[in-house]
Amino acid sequence: MCSTVGGRAAGDGSQPEALPNVNQTTSDQCKEQYGALKKDLEAAAQPIREVKQRRGPAAALCGLITAYGEAEIKIIEFVDANSTRCGFSRNFGDDARKAHVTTERLAAEACKKPQVPWRE
């Protein structure tokens, strides 16, 4: 008598269908969700590169860098909320936060109002 595995008879020479692995499903979900956030981050970075490449005004960078920072925050929040479930290392979240500090500094620089000389 043959037993069946995954709808096929075991020992008939064919490979049994893989049963869904909960850990693999979670890993795939994490990769998909993180991948979407990373894609958004890269999409926010592209206009910054374009402005810098054509040496556009710093004022044009203000909104773009701010939008990039918001995309970074979404990644940080995702990593913080899902670090255990997705298996992110502590360093991964820390590195994202350090990068965001740099982005905040750049945004502050790009968004500061130019000093108008005082007229007497």
PDB file of N, CA and C in Angstrom:
ATOM      1  N   MET A   1       0.835  -1.170   0.000  1.00  0.00           N
ATOM      2  CA  MET A   1       0.000   0.000   0.000  1.00  0.00           C
ATOM      3  C   MET A   1       0.882   1.236   0.000  1.00  0.00           C
ATOM      4  N   CYS A   2       0.564   2.167  -0.875  1.00  0.00           N
ATOM      5  CA  CYS A   2       1.313   3.409  -1.004  1.00  0.00           C
ATOM      6  C   CYS A   2       0.636   4.503  -0.203  1.00  0.00           C
ATOM      7  N   SER A   3       1.456   5.277   0.501  1.00  0.00           N
ATOM      8  CA  SER A   3       0.898   6.452   1.169  1.00  0.00           C
ATOM      9  C   SER A   3       0.977   7.618   0.199  1.00  0.00           C
ATOM     10  N   THR A   4       0.169   8.623   0.441  1.00  0.00           N
ATOM     11  CA  THR A   4       0.216   9.789  -0.434  1.00  0.00           C
ATOM     12  C   THR A   4       0.800  10.967   0.314  1.00  0.00           C
ATOM     13  N   VAL A   5       1.568  11.749  -0.403  1.00  0.00           N
ATOM     14  CA  VAL A   5       2.170  12.965   0.119  1.00  0.00           C
ATOM     15  C   VAL A   5       1.882  14.063  -0.887  1.00  0.00           C
ATOM     16  N   GLY A   6       1.222  15.106  -0.455  1.00  0.00           N
ATOM     17  CA  GLY A   6       0.954  16.238  -1.340  1.00  0.00           C
ATOM     18  C   GLY A   6       0.123  15.864  -2.551  1.00  0.00           C
ATOM     19  N   GLY A   7      -0.736  14.839  -2.428  1.00  0.00           N
ATOM     20  CA  GLY A   7      -1.609  14.474  -3.522  1.00  0.00           C
ATOM     21  C   GLY A   7      -0.989  13.473  -4.484  1.00  0.00           C
ATOM     22  N   ARG A   8       0.237  13.074  -4.249  1.00  0.00           N
ATOM     23  CA  ARG A   8       0.905  12.093  -5.107  1.00  0.00           C
ATOM     24  C   ARG A   8       1.276  10.883  -4.267  1.00  0.00           C
ATOM     25  N   ALA A   9       1.363   9.766  -4.906  1.00  0.00           N
ATOM     26  CA  ALA A   9       1.751   8.553  -4.200  1.00  0.00           C
ATOM     27  C   ALA A   9       3.238   8.609  -3.897  1.00  0.00           C
ATOM     28  N   ALA A  10       3.568   8.406  -2.621  1.00  0.00           N
ATOM     29  CA  ALA A  10       4.970   8.408  -2.229  1.00  0.00           C
ATOM     30  C   ALA A  10       5.650   7.197  -2.832  1.00  0.00           C
ATOM     31  N   GLY A  11       6.847   7.389  -3.290  1.00  0.00           N
ATOM     32  CA  GLY A  11       7.615   6.282  -3.837  1.00  0.00           C
ATOM     33  C   GLY A  11       7.328   6.031  -5.305  1.00  0.00           C
ATOM     34  N   ASP A  12       6.534   6.892  -5.958  1.00  0.00           N
ATOM     35  CA  ASP A  12       6.266   6.674  -7.377  1.00  0.00           C
ATOM     36  C   ASP A  12       7.301   7.353  -8.279  1.00  0.00           C
ATOM     37  N   GLY A  13       8.354   7.925  -7.654  1.00  0.00           N
ATOM     38  CA  GLY A  13       9.414   8.542  -8.440  1.00  0.00           C
ATOM     39  C   GLY A  13       9.211  10.024  -8.672  1.00  0.00           C
ATOM     40  N   SER A  14       8.020  10.519  -8.441  1.00  0.00           N
ATOM     41  CA  SER A  14       7.794  11.954  -8.634  1.00  0.00           C
ATOM     42  C   SER A  14       8.058  12.686  -7.328  1.00  0.00           C
ATOM     43  N   GLN A  15       8.382  13.946  -7.451  1.00  0.00           N
ATOM     44  CA  GLN A  15       8.631  14.758  -6.264  1.00  0.00           C
ATOM     45  C   GLN A  15       7.306  15.150  -5.626  1.00  0.00           C
ATOM     46  N   PRO A  16       7.192  15.036  -4.306  1.00  0.00           N
ATOM     47  CA  PRO A  16       5.965  15.485  -3.648  1.00  0.00           C
ATOM     48  C   PRO A  16       5.881  17.001  -3.674  1.00  0.00           C
ATOM     49  N   GLU A  17       4.663  17.520  -3.710  1.00  0.00           N
ATOM     50  CA  GLU A  17       4.481  18.961  -3.653  1.00  0.00           C
ATOM     51  C   GLU A  17       4.930  19.452  -2.292  1.00  0.00           C
ATOM     52  N   ALA A  18       5.612  20.566  -2.288  1.00  0.00           N
ATOM     53  CA  ALA A  18       6.081  21.124  -1.024  1.00  0.00           C
ATOM     54  C   ALA A  18       4.896  21.678  -0.251  1.00  0.00           C
ATOM     55  N   LEU A  19       4.819  21.301   0.991  1.00  0.00           N
ATOM     56  CA  LEU A  19       3.792  21.840   1.856  1.00  0.00           C
ATOM     57  C   LEU A  19       4.212  23.242   2.262  1.00  0.00           C
ATOM     58  N   PRO A  20       3.266  24.165   2.356  1.00  0.00           N
ATOM     59  CA  PRO A  20       3.657  25.530   2.709  1.00  0.00           C
ATOM     60  C   PRO A  20       4.301  25.573   4.087  1.00  0.00           C
ATOM     61  N   ASN A  21       5.410  26.237   4.148  1.00  0.00           N
ATOM     62  CA  ASN A  21       6.142  26.408   5.395  1.00  0.00           C
ATOM     63  C   ASN A  21       5.777  27.773   5.959  1.00  0.00           C
ATOM     64  N   VAL A  22       5.296  27.811   7.169  1.00  0.00           N
ATOM     65  CA  VAL A  22       4.869  29.074   7.780  1.00  0.00           C
ATOM     66  C   VAL A  22       6.026  30.060   7.831  1.00  0.00           C
ATOM     67  N   ASN A  23       7.217  29.592   8.199  1.00  0.00           N
ATOM     68  CA  ASN A  23       8.377  30.481   8.259  1.00  0.00           C
ATOM     69  C   ASN A  23       8.731  31.033   6.886  1.00  0.00           C
ATOM     70  N   GLN A  24       8.628  30.190   5.859  1.00  0.00           N
ATOM     71  CA  GLN A  24       8.932  30.640   4.510  1.00  0.00           C
ATOM     72  C   GLN A  24       7.909  31.661   4.052  1.00  0.00           C
ATOM     73  N   THR A  25       6.646  31.427   4.362  1.00  0.00           N
ATOM     74  CA  THR A  25       5.596  32.376   3.993  1.00  0.00           C
ATOM     75  C   THR A  25       5.837  33.715   4.661  1.00  0.00           C
ATOM     76  N   THR A  26       6.160  33.704   5.943  1.00  0.00           N
ATOM     77  CA  THR A  26       6.450  34.944   6.668  1.00  0.00           C
ATOM     78  C   THR A  26       7.651  35.644   6.057  1.00  0.00           C
ATOM     79  N   SER A  27       8.684  34.888   5.751  1.00  0.00           N
ATOM     80  CA  SER A  27       9.880  35.463   5.139  1.00  0.00           C
ATOM     81  C   SER A  27       9.546  36.103   3.800  1.00  0.00           C
ATOM     82  N   ASP A  28       8.734  35.429   3.004  1.00  0.00           N
ATOM     83  CA  ASP A  28       8.330  35.981   1.706  1.00  0.00           C
ATOM     84  C   ASP A  28       7.517  37.255   1.891  1.00  0.00           C
ATOM     85  N   GLN A  29       6.620  37.263   2.874  1.00  0.00           N
ATOM     86  CA  GLN A  29       5.821  38.454   3.142  1.00  0.00           C
ATOM     87  C   GLN A  29       6.721  39.609   3.568  1.00  0.00           C
ATOM     88  N   CYS A  30       7.674  39.332   4.426  1.00  0.00           N
ATOM     89  CA  CYS A  30       8.603  40.369   4.885  1.00  0.00           C
ATOM     90  C   CYS A  30       9.395  40.934   3.717  1.00  0.00           C
ATOM     91  N   LYS A  31       9.910  40.050   2.876  1.00  0.00           N
ATOM     92  CA  LYS A  31      10.684  40.496   1.716  1.00  0.00           C
ATOM     93  C   LYS A  31       9.828  41.349   0.788  1.00  0.00           C
ATOM     94  N   GLU A  32       8.589  40.934   0.587  1.00  0.00           N
ATOM     95  CA  GLU A  32       7.695  41.672  -0.299  1.00  0.00           C
ATOM     96  C   GLU A  32       7.366  43.051   0.277  1.00  0.00           C
ATOM     97  N   GLN A  33       7.032  43.100   1.562  1.00  0.00           N
ATOM     98  CA  GLN A  33       6.684  44.373   2.187  1.00  0.00           C
ATOM     99  C   GLN A  33       7.889  45.302   2.261  1.00  0.00           C
ATOM    100  N   TYR A  34       9.033  44.777   2.673  1.00  0.00           N
ATOM    101  CA  TYR A  34      10.242  45.595   2.744  1.00  0.00           C
ATOM    102  C   TYR A  34      10.646  46.047   1.340  1.00  0.00           C
ATOM    103  N   GLY A  35      10.526  45.144   0.366  1.00  0.00           N
ATOM    104  CA  GLY A  35      10.877  45.476  -1.007  1.00  0.00           C
ATOM    105  C   GLY A  35      10.051  46.638  -1.548  1.00  0.00           C
ATOM    106  N   ALA A  36       8.770  46.660  -1.209  1.00  0.00           N
ATOM    107  CA  ALA A  36       7.904  47.756  -1.658  1.00  0.00           C
ATOM    108  C   ALA A  36       8.337  49.075  -1.020  1.00  0.00           C
ATOM    109  N   LEU A  37       8.681  49.040   0.264  1.00  0.00           N
ATOM    110  CA  LEU A  37       9.138  50.247   0.949  1.00  0.00           C
ATOM    111  C   LEU A  37      10.475  50.720   0.384  1.00  0.00           C
ATOM    112  N   LYS A  38      11.353  49.786   0.109  1.00  0.00           N
ATOM    113  CA  LYS A  38      12.662  50.122  -0.466  1.00  0.00           C
ATOM    114  C   LYS A  38      12.498  50.719  -1.862  1.00  0.00           C
ATOM    115  N   LYS A  39      11.546  50.194  -2.620  1.00  0.00           N
ATOM    116  CA  LYS A  39      11.278  50.727  -3.958  1.00  0.00           C
ATOM    117  C   LYS A  39      10.770  52.166  -3.851  1.00  0.00           C
ATOM    118  N   ASP A  40       9.915  52.432  -2.878  1.00  0.00           N
ATOM    119  CA  ASP A  40       9.435  53.801  -2.652  1.00  0.00           C
ATOM    120  C   ASP A  40      10.588  54.726  -2.281  1.00  0.00           C
ATOM    121  N   LEU A  41      11.507  54.224  -1.455  1.00  0.00           N
ATOM    122  CA  LEU A  41      12.671  55.012  -1.047  1.00  0.00           C
ATOM    123  C   LEU A  41      13.537  55.344  -2.257  1.00  0.00           C
ATOM    124  N   GLU A  42      13.773  54.362  -3.099  1.00  0.00           N
ATOM    125  CA  GLU A  42      14.582  54.587  -4.296  1.00  0.00           C
ATOM    126  C   GLU A  42      13.890  55.552  -5.259  1.00  0.00           C
ATOM    127  N   ALA A  43      12.558  55.468  -5.338  1.00  0.00           N
ATOM    128  CA  ALA A  43      11.806  56.396  -6.192  1.00  0.00           C
ATOM    129  C   ALA A  43      11.916  57.822  -5.662  1.00  0.00           C
ATOM    130  N   ALA A  44      11.982  57.975  -4.338  1.00  0.00           N
ATOM    131  CA  ALA A  44      12.135  59.303  -3.749  1.00  0.00           C
ATOM    132  C   ALA A  44      13.556  59.835  -3.947  1.00  0.00           C
ATOM    133  N   ALA A  45      14.516  58.946  -4.074  1.00  0.00           N
ATOM    134  CA  ALA A  45      15.913  59.359  -4.254  1.00  0.00           C
ATOM    135  C   ALA A  45      16.202  59.836  -5.675  1.00  0.00           C
ATOM    136  N   GLN A  46      15.507  59.296  -6.650  1.00  0.00           N
ATOM    137  CA  GLN A  46      15.799  59.618  -8.051  1.00  0.00           C
ATOM    138  C   GLN A  46      15.677  61.106  -8.367  1.00  0.00           C
ATOM    139  N   PRO A  47      14.591  61.795  -7.969  1.00  0.00           N
ATOM    140  CA  PRO A  47      14.520  63.234  -8.274  1.00  0.00           C
ATOM    141  C   PRO A  47      15.635  64.038  -7.600  1.00  0.00           C
ATOM    142  N   ILE A  48      16.082  63.592  -6.434  1.00  0.00           N
ATOM    143  CA  ILE A  48      17.190  64.278  -5.746  1.00  0.00           C
ATOM    144  C   ILE A  48      18.452  64.173  -6.603  1.00  0.00           C
ATOM    145  N   ARG A  49      18.712  62.983  -7.105  1.00  0.00           N
ATOM    146  CA  ARG A  49      19.876  62.778  -7.974  1.00  0.00           C
ATOM    147  C   ARG A  49      19.800  63.674  -9.208  1.00  0.00           C
ATOM    148  N   GLU A  50      18.598  63.763  -9.790  1.00  0.00           N
ATOM    149  CA  GLU A  50      18.429  64.562 -11.002  1.00  0.00           C
ATOM    150  C   GLU A  50      18.683  66.051 -10.732  1.00  0.00           C
ATOM    151  N   VAL A  51      18.163  66.571  -9.627  1.00  0.00           N
ATOM    152  CA  VAL A  51      18.377  67.983  -9.286  1.00  0.00           C
ATOM    153  C   VAL A  51      19.856  68.244  -9.024  1.00  0.00           C
ATOM    154  N   LYS A  52      20.502  67.330  -8.294  1.00  0.00           N
ATOM    155  CA  LYS A  52      21.926  67.505  -8.004  1.00  0.00           C
ATOM    156  C   LYS A  52      22.759  67.421  -9.277  1.00  0.00           C
ATOM    157  N   GLN A  53      22.378  66.516 -10.184  1.00  0.00           N
ATOM    158  CA  GLN A  53      23.137  66.333 -11.420  1.00  0.00           C
ATOM    159  C   GLN A  53      23.085  67.590 -12.290  1.00  0.00           C
ATOM    160  N   ARG A  54      21.942  68.229 -12.357  1.00  0.00           N
ATOM    161  CA  ARG A  54      21.855  69.447 -13.175  1.00  0.00           C
ATOM    162  C   ARG A  54      22.147  70.694 -12.354  1.00  0.00           C
ATOM    163  N   ARG A  55      22.644  70.475 -11.145  1.00  0.00           N
ATOM    164  CA  ARG A  55      23.042  71.556 -10.249  1.00  0.00           C
ATOM    165  C   ARG A  55      21.906  72.559 -10.025  1.00  0.00           C
ATOM    166  N   GLY A  56      20.738  71.980  -9.699  1.00  0.00           N
ATOM    167  CA  GLY A  56      19.569  72.798  -9.427  1.00  0.00           C
ATOM    168  C   GLY A  56      19.700  73.532  -8.107  1.00  0.00           C
ATOM    169  N   PRO A  57      18.804  74.456  -7.844  1.00  0.00           N
ATOM    170  CA  PRO A  57      18.877  75.242  -6.611  1.00  0.00           C
ATOM    171  C   PRO A  57      18.583  74.402  -5.375  1.00  0.00           C
ATOM    172  N   ALA A  58      19.201  74.791  -4.271  1.00  0.00           N
ATOM    173  CA  ALA A  58      18.996  74.078  -3.004  1.00  0.00           C
ATOM    174  C   ALA A  58      17.530  74.097  -2.591  1.00  0.00           C
ATOM    175  N   ALA A  59      16.819  75.173  -2.933  1.00  0.00           N
ATOM    176  CA  ALA A  59      15.400  75.267  -2.576  1.00  0.00           C
ATOM    177  C   ALA A  59      14.603  74.128  -3.211  1.00  0.00           C
ATOM    178  N   ALA A  60      15.002  73.698  -4.397  1.00  0.00           N
ATOM    179  CA  ALA A  60      14.313  72.592  -5.062  1.00  0.00           C
ATOM    180  C   ALA A  60      14.523  71.283  -4.306  1.00  0.00           C
ATOM    181  N   LEU A  61      15.624  71.181  -3.605  1.00  0.00           N
ATOM    182  CA  LEU A  61      15.932  69.960  -2.861  1.00  0.00           C
ATOM    183  C   LEU A  61      15.125  69.825  -1.577  1.00  0.00           C
ATOM    184  N   CYS A  62      14.657  70.916  -1.023  1.00  0.00           N
ATOM    185  CA  CYS A  62      13.976  70.887   0.269  1.00  0.00           C
ATOM    186  C   CYS A  62      12.839  69.867   0.303  1.00  0.00           C
ATOM    187  N   GLY A  63      11.878  70.011  -0.568  1.00  0.00           N
ATOM    188  CA  GLY A  63      10.735  69.103  -0.591  1.00  0.00           C
ATOM    189  C   GLY A  63      11.122  67.683  -0.950  1.00  0.00           C
ATOM    190  N   LEU A  64      12.101  67.552  -1.849  1.00  0.00           N
ATOM    191  CA  LEU A  64      12.531  66.223  -2.276  1.00  0.00           C
ATOM    192  C   LEU A  64      13.216  65.461  -1.147  1.00  0.00           C
ATOM    193  N   ILE A  65      14.077  66.134  -0.412  1.00  0.00           N
ATOM    194  CA  ILE A  65      14.771  65.479   0.703  1.00  0.00           C
ATOM    195  C   ILE A  65      13.784  65.173   1.824  1.00  0.00           C
ATOM    196  N   THR A  66      12.827  66.067   2.041  1.00  0.00           N
ATOM    197  CA  THR A  66      11.797  65.821   3.050  1.00  0.00           C
ATOM    198  C   THR A  66      10.993  64.571   2.695  1.00  0.00           C
ATOM    199  N   ALA A  67      10.611  64.428   1.431  1.00  0.00           N
ATOM    200  CA  ALA A  67       9.874  63.242   0.979  1.00  0.00           C
ATOM    201  C   ALA A  67      10.721  61.978   1.142  1.00  0.00           C
ATOM    202  N   TYR A  68      12.004  62.098   0.858  1.00  0.00           N
ATOM    203  CA  TYR A  68      12.915  60.964   1.041  1.00  0.00           C
ATOM    204  C   TYR A  68      12.965  60.561   2.516  1.00  0.00           C
ATOM    205  N   GLY A  69      13.042  61.560   3.393  1.00  0.00           N
ATOM    206  CA  GLY A  69      13.058  61.290   4.834  1.00  0.00           C
ATOM    207  C   GLY A  69      11.793  60.594   5.296  1.00  0.00           C
ATOM    208  N   GLU A  70      10.659  60.967   4.725  1.00  0.00           N
ATOM    209  CA  GLU A  70       9.400  60.310   5.081  1.00  0.00           C
ATOM    210  C   GLU A  70       9.408  58.850   4.644  1.00  0.00           C
ATOM    211  N   ALA A  71      10.001  58.565   3.496  1.00  0.00           N
ATOM    212  CA  ALA A  71      10.119  57.174   3.035  1.00  0.00           C
ATOM    213  C   ALA A  71      11.041  56.387   3.965  1.00  0.00           C
ATOM    214  N   GLU A  72      12.104  57.035   4.449  1.00  0.00           N
ATOM    215  CA  GLU A  72      13.001  56.379   5.413  1.00  0.00           C
ATOM    216  C   GLU A  72      12.253  56.048   6.702  1.00  0.00           C
ATOM    217  N   ILE A  73      11.422  56.978   7.167  1.00  0.00           N
ATOM    218  CA  ILE A  73      10.662  56.754   8.404  1.00  0.00           C
ATOM    219  C   ILE A  73       9.755  55.537   8.253  1.00  0.00           C
ATOM    220  N   LYS A  74       9.138  55.370   7.086  1.00  0.00           N
ATOM    221  CA  LYS A  74       8.281  54.206   6.863  1.00  0.00           C
ATOM    222  C   LYS A  74       9.085  52.911   6.982  1.00  0.00           C
ATOM    223  N   ILE A  75      10.297  52.914   6.465  1.00  0.00           N
ATOM    224  CA  ILE A  75      11.145  51.723   6.579  1.00  0.00           C
ATOM    225  C   ILE A  75      11.516  51.485   8.038  1.00  0.00           C
ATOM    226  N   ILE A  76      11.908  52.537   8.746  1.00  0.00           N
ATOM    227  CA  ILE A  76      12.280  52.401  10.161  1.00  0.00           C
ATOM    228  C   ILE A  76      11.114  51.853  10.963  1.00  0.00           C
ATOM    229  N   GLU A  77       9.926  52.393  10.742  1.00  0.00           N
ATOM    230  CA  GLU A  77       8.743  51.916  11.466  1.00  0.00           C
ATOM    231  C   GLU A  77       8.445  50.458  11.138  1.00  0.00           C
ATOM    232  N   PHE A  78       8.599  50.072   9.871  1.00  0.00           N
ATOM    233  CA  PHE A  78       8.371  48.684   9.473  1.00  0.00           C
ATOM    234  C   PHE A  78       9.376  47.756  10.158  1.00  0.00           C
ATOM    235  N   VAL A  79      10.634  48.153  10.145  1.00  0.00           N
ATOM    236  CA  VAL A  79      11.676  47.327  10.761  1.00  0.00           C
ATOM    237  C   VAL A  79      11.424  47.199  12.265  1.00  0.00           C
ATOM    238  N   ASP A  80      11.099  48.313  12.917  1.00  0.00           N
ATOM    239  CA  ASP A  80      10.833  48.271  14.357  1.00  0.00           C
ATOM    240  C   ASP A  80       9.640  47.385  14.687  1.00  0.00           C
ATOM    241  N   ALA A  81       8.577  47.489  13.903  1.00  0.00           N
ATOM    242  CA  ALA A  81       7.361  46.732  14.177  1.00  0.00           C
ATOM    243  C   ALA A  81       7.492  45.253  13.827  1.00  0.00           C
ATOM    244  N   ASN A  82       8.402  44.916  12.925  1.00  0.00           N
ATOM    245  CA  ASN A  82       8.476  43.546  12.418  1.00  0.00           C
ATOM    246  C   ASN A  82       9.834  42.888  12.601  1.00  0.00           C
ATOM    247  N   SER A  83      10.671  43.444  13.462  1.00  0.00           N
ATOM    248  CA  SER A  83      12.034  42.908  13.588  1.00  0.00           C
ATOM    249  C   SER A  83      12.040  41.446  14.018  1.00  0.00           C
ATOM    250  N   THR A  84      11.200  41.081  14.945  1.00  0.00           N
ATOM    251  CA  THR A  84      11.163  39.688  15.406  1.00  0.00           C
ATOM    252  C   THR A  84      10.555  38.792  14.338  1.00  0.00           C
ATOM    253  N   ARG A  85       9.429  39.198  13.809  1.00  0.00           N
ATOM    254  CA  ARG A  85       8.719  38.385  12.817  1.00  0.00           C
ATOM    255  C   ARG A  85       9.555  38.178  11.558  1.00  0.00           C
ATOM    256  N   CYS A  86      10.254  39.220  11.140  1.00  0.00           N
ATOM    257  CA  CYS A  86      11.007  39.158   9.890  1.00  0.00           C
ATOM    258  C   CYS A  86      12.476  38.783  10.096  1.00  0.00           C
ATOM    259  N   GLY A  87      12.930  38.768  11.326  1.00  0.00           N
ATOM    260  CA  GLY A  87      14.312  38.384  11.596  1.00  0.00           C
ATOM    261  C   GLY A  87      15.329  39.465  11.301  1.00  0.00           C
ATOM    262  N   PHE A  88      14.915  40.737  11.390  1.00  0.00           N
ATOM    263  CA  PHE A  88      15.867  41.831  11.180  1.00  0.00           C
ATOM    264  C   PHE A  88      16.811  41.906  12.372  1.00  0.00           C
ATOM    265  N   SER A  89      18.065  42.166  12.109  1.00  0.00           N
ATOM    266  CA  SER A  89      19.021  42.329  13.198  1.00  0.00           C
ATOM    267  C   SER A  89      18.845  43.707  13.821  1.00  0.00           C
ATOM    268  N   ARG A  90      19.298  43.844  15.049  1.00  0.00           N
ATOM    269  CA  ARG A  90      19.234  45.151  15.724  1.00  0.00           C
ATOM    270  C   ARG A  90      20.026  46.194  14.935  1.00  0.00           C
ATOM    271  N   ASN A  91      21.154  45.785  14.366  1.00  0.00           N
ATOM    272  CA  ASN A  91      21.988  46.703  13.584  1.00  0.00           C
ATOM    273  C   ASN A  91      21.253  47.254  12.378  1.00  0.00           C
ATOM    274  N   PHE A  92      20.372  46.464  11.809  1.00  0.00           N
ATOM    275  CA  PHE A  92      19.634  46.890  10.620  1.00  0.00           C
ATOM    276  C   PHE A  92      18.795  48.125  10.931  1.00  0.00           C
ATOM    277  N   GLY A  93      18.058  48.097  12.010  1.00  0.00           N
ATOM    278  CA  GLY A  93      17.251  49.252  12.420  1.00  0.00           C
ATOM    279  C   GLY A  93      18.123  50.423  12.838  1.00  0.00           C
ATOM    280  N   ASP A  94      19.205  50.138  13.559  1.00  0.00           N
ATOM    281  CA  ASP A  94      20.111  51.206  13.989  1.00  0.00           C
ATOM    282  C   ASP A  94      20.739  51.916  12.793  1.00  0.00           C
ATOM    283  N   ASP A  95      21.137  51.144  11.795  1.00  0.00           N
ATOM    284  CA  ASP A  95      21.733  51.737  10.591  1.00  0.00           C
ATOM    285  C   ASP A  95      20.720  52.615   9.856  1.00  0.00           C
ATOM    286  N   ALA A  96      19.475  52.164   9.804  1.00  0.00           N
ATOM    287  CA  ALA A  96      18.433  52.959   9.139  1.00  0.00           C
ATOM    288  C   ALA A  96      18.202  54.266   9.894  1.00  0.00           C
ATOM    289  N   ARG A  97      18.234  54.202  11.226  1.00  0.00           N
ATOM    290  CA  ARG A  97      18.055  55.424  12.018  1.00  0.00           C
ATOM    291  C   ARG A  97      19.233  56.384  11.831  1.00  0.00           C
ATOM    292  N   LYS A  98      20.442  55.866  11.762  1.00  0.00           N
ATOM    293  CA  LYS A  98      21.617  56.714  11.535  1.00  0.00           C
ATOM    294  C   LYS A  98      21.535  57.395  10.171  1.00  0.00           C
ATOM    295  N   ALA A  99      21.112  56.656   9.172  1.00  0.00           N
ATOM    296  CA  ALA A  99      20.966  57.246   7.834  1.00  0.00           C
ATOM    297  C   ALA A  99      19.903  58.341   7.858  1.00  0.00           C
ATOM    298  N   HIS A 100      18.852  58.127   8.636  1.00  0.00           N
ATOM    299  CA  HIS A 100      17.792  59.127   8.704  1.00  0.00           C
ATOM    300  C   HIS A 100      18.266  60.406   9.392  1.00  0.00           C
ATOM    301  N   VAL A 101      19.143  60.288  10.361  1.00  0.00           N
ATOM    302  CA  VAL A 101      19.703  61.477  11.019  1.00  0.00           C
ATOM    303  C   VAL A 101      20.441  62.325   9.982  1.00  0.00           C
ATOM    304  N   THR A 102      21.183  61.675   9.113  1.00  0.00           N
ATOM    305  CA  THR A 102      21.886  62.382   8.045  1.00  0.00           C
ATOM    306  C   THR A 102      20.886  63.057   7.107  1.00  0.00           C
ATOM    307  N   THR A 103      19.832  62.355   6.773  1.00  0.00           N
ATOM    308  CA  THR A 103      18.803  62.928   5.897  1.00  0.00           C
ATOM    309  C   THR A 103      18.163  64.150   6.548  1.00  0.00           C
ATOM    310  N   GLU A 104      17.872  64.064   7.847  1.00  0.00           N
ATOM    311  CA  GLU A 104      17.287  65.209   8.550  1.00  0.00           C
ATOM    312  C   GLU A 104      18.229  66.415   8.518  1.00  0.00           C
ATOM    313  N   ARG A 105      19.511  66.161   8.676  1.00  0.00           N
ATOM    314  CA  ARG A 105      20.497  67.241   8.631  1.00  0.00           C
ATOM    315  C   ARG A 105      20.526  67.879   7.255  1.00  0.00           C
ATOM    316  N   LEU A 106      20.509  67.052   6.210  1.00  0.00           N
ATOM    317  CA  LEU A 106      20.504  67.565   4.844  1.00  0.00           C
ATOM    318  C   LEU A 106      19.221  68.344   4.540  1.00  0.00           C
ATOM    319  N   ALA A 107      18.088  67.853   5.035  1.00  0.00           N
ATOM    320  CA  ALA A 107      16.817  68.544   4.823  1.00  0.00           C
ATOM    321  C   ALA A 107      16.829  69.896   5.523  1.00  0.00           C
ATOM    322  N   ALA A 108      17.356  69.930   6.740  1.00  0.00           N
ATOM    323  CA  ALA A 108      17.422  71.202   7.472  1.00  0.00           C
ATOM    324  C   ALA A 108      18.277  72.204   6.709  1.00  0.00           C
ATOM    325  N   GLU A 109      19.354  71.743   6.153  1.00  0.00           N
ATOM    326  CA  GLU A 109      20.243  72.624   5.378  1.00  0.00           C
ATOM    327  C   GLU A 109      19.557  73.103   4.097  1.00  0.00           C
ATOM    328  N   ALA A 110      18.913  72.190   3.395  1.00  0.00           N
ATOM    329  CA  ALA A 110      18.268  72.546   2.128  1.00  0.00           C
ATOM    330  C   ALA A 110      17.025  73.415   2.334  1.00  0.00           C
ATOM    331  N   CYS A 111      16.384  73.268   3.495  1.00  0.00           N
ATOM    332  CA  CYS A 111      15.113  73.967   3.723  1.00  0.00           C
ATOM    333  C   CYS A 111      15.261  75.276   4.489  1.00  0.00           C
ATOM    334  N   LYS A 112      16.458  75.560   4.948  1.00  0.00           N
ATOM    335  CA  LYS A 112      16.575  76.813   5.703  1.00  0.00           C
ATOM    336  C   LYS A 112      16.415  77.996   4.759  1.00  0.00           C
ATOM    337  N   LYS A 113      15.808  79.023   5.281  1.00  0.00           N
ATOM    338  CA  LYS A 113      15.549  80.224   4.477  1.00  0.00           C
ATOM    339  C   LYS A 113      16.860  80.986   4.304  1.00  0.00           C
ATOM    340  N   PRO A 114      17.085  81.482   3.081  1.00  0.00           N
ATOM    341  CA  PRO A 114      18.312  82.256   2.861  1.00  0.00           C
ATOM    342  C   PRO A 114      18.273  83.549   3.694  1.00  0.00           C
ATOM    343  N   GLN A 115      19.400  83.913   4.184  1.00  0.00           N
ATOM    344  CA  GLN A 115      19.516  85.128   4.984  1.00  0.00           C
ATOM    345  C   GLN A 115      19.474  86.342   4.057  1.00  0.00           C
ATOM    346  N   VAL A 116      18.553  87.229   4.337  1.00  0.00           N
ATOM    347  CA  VAL A 116      18.438  88.458   3.556  1.00  0.00           C
ATOM    348  C   VAL A 116      19.275  89.512   4.266  1.00  0.00           C
ATOM    349  N   PRO A 117      20.173  90.185   3.544  1.00  0.00           N
ATOM    350  CA  PRO A 117      20.997  91.205   4.199  1.00  0.00           C
ATOM    351  C   PRO A 117      20.122  92.325   4.781  1.00  0.00           C
ATOM    352  N   TRP A 118      20.497  92.759   5.953  1.00  0.00           N
ATOM    353  CA  TRP A 118      19.764  93.818   6.627  1.00  0.00           C
ATOM    354  C   TRP A 118      20.050  95.145   5.939  1.00  0.00           C
ATOM    355  N   ARG A 119      18.982  95.875   5.642  1.00  0.00           N
ATOM    356  CA  ARG A 119      19.146  97.169   4.990  1.00  0.00           C
ATOM    357  C   ARG A 119      19.018  98.270   6.046  1.00  0.00           C
ATOM    358  N   GLU A 120      19.924  99.193   5.982  1.00  0.00           N
ATOM    359  CA  GLU A 120      19.856 100.319   6.919  1.00  0.00           C
ATOM    360  C   GLU A 120      19.443 101.565   6.212  1.00  0.00           C
TER     361      GLU A 120
END
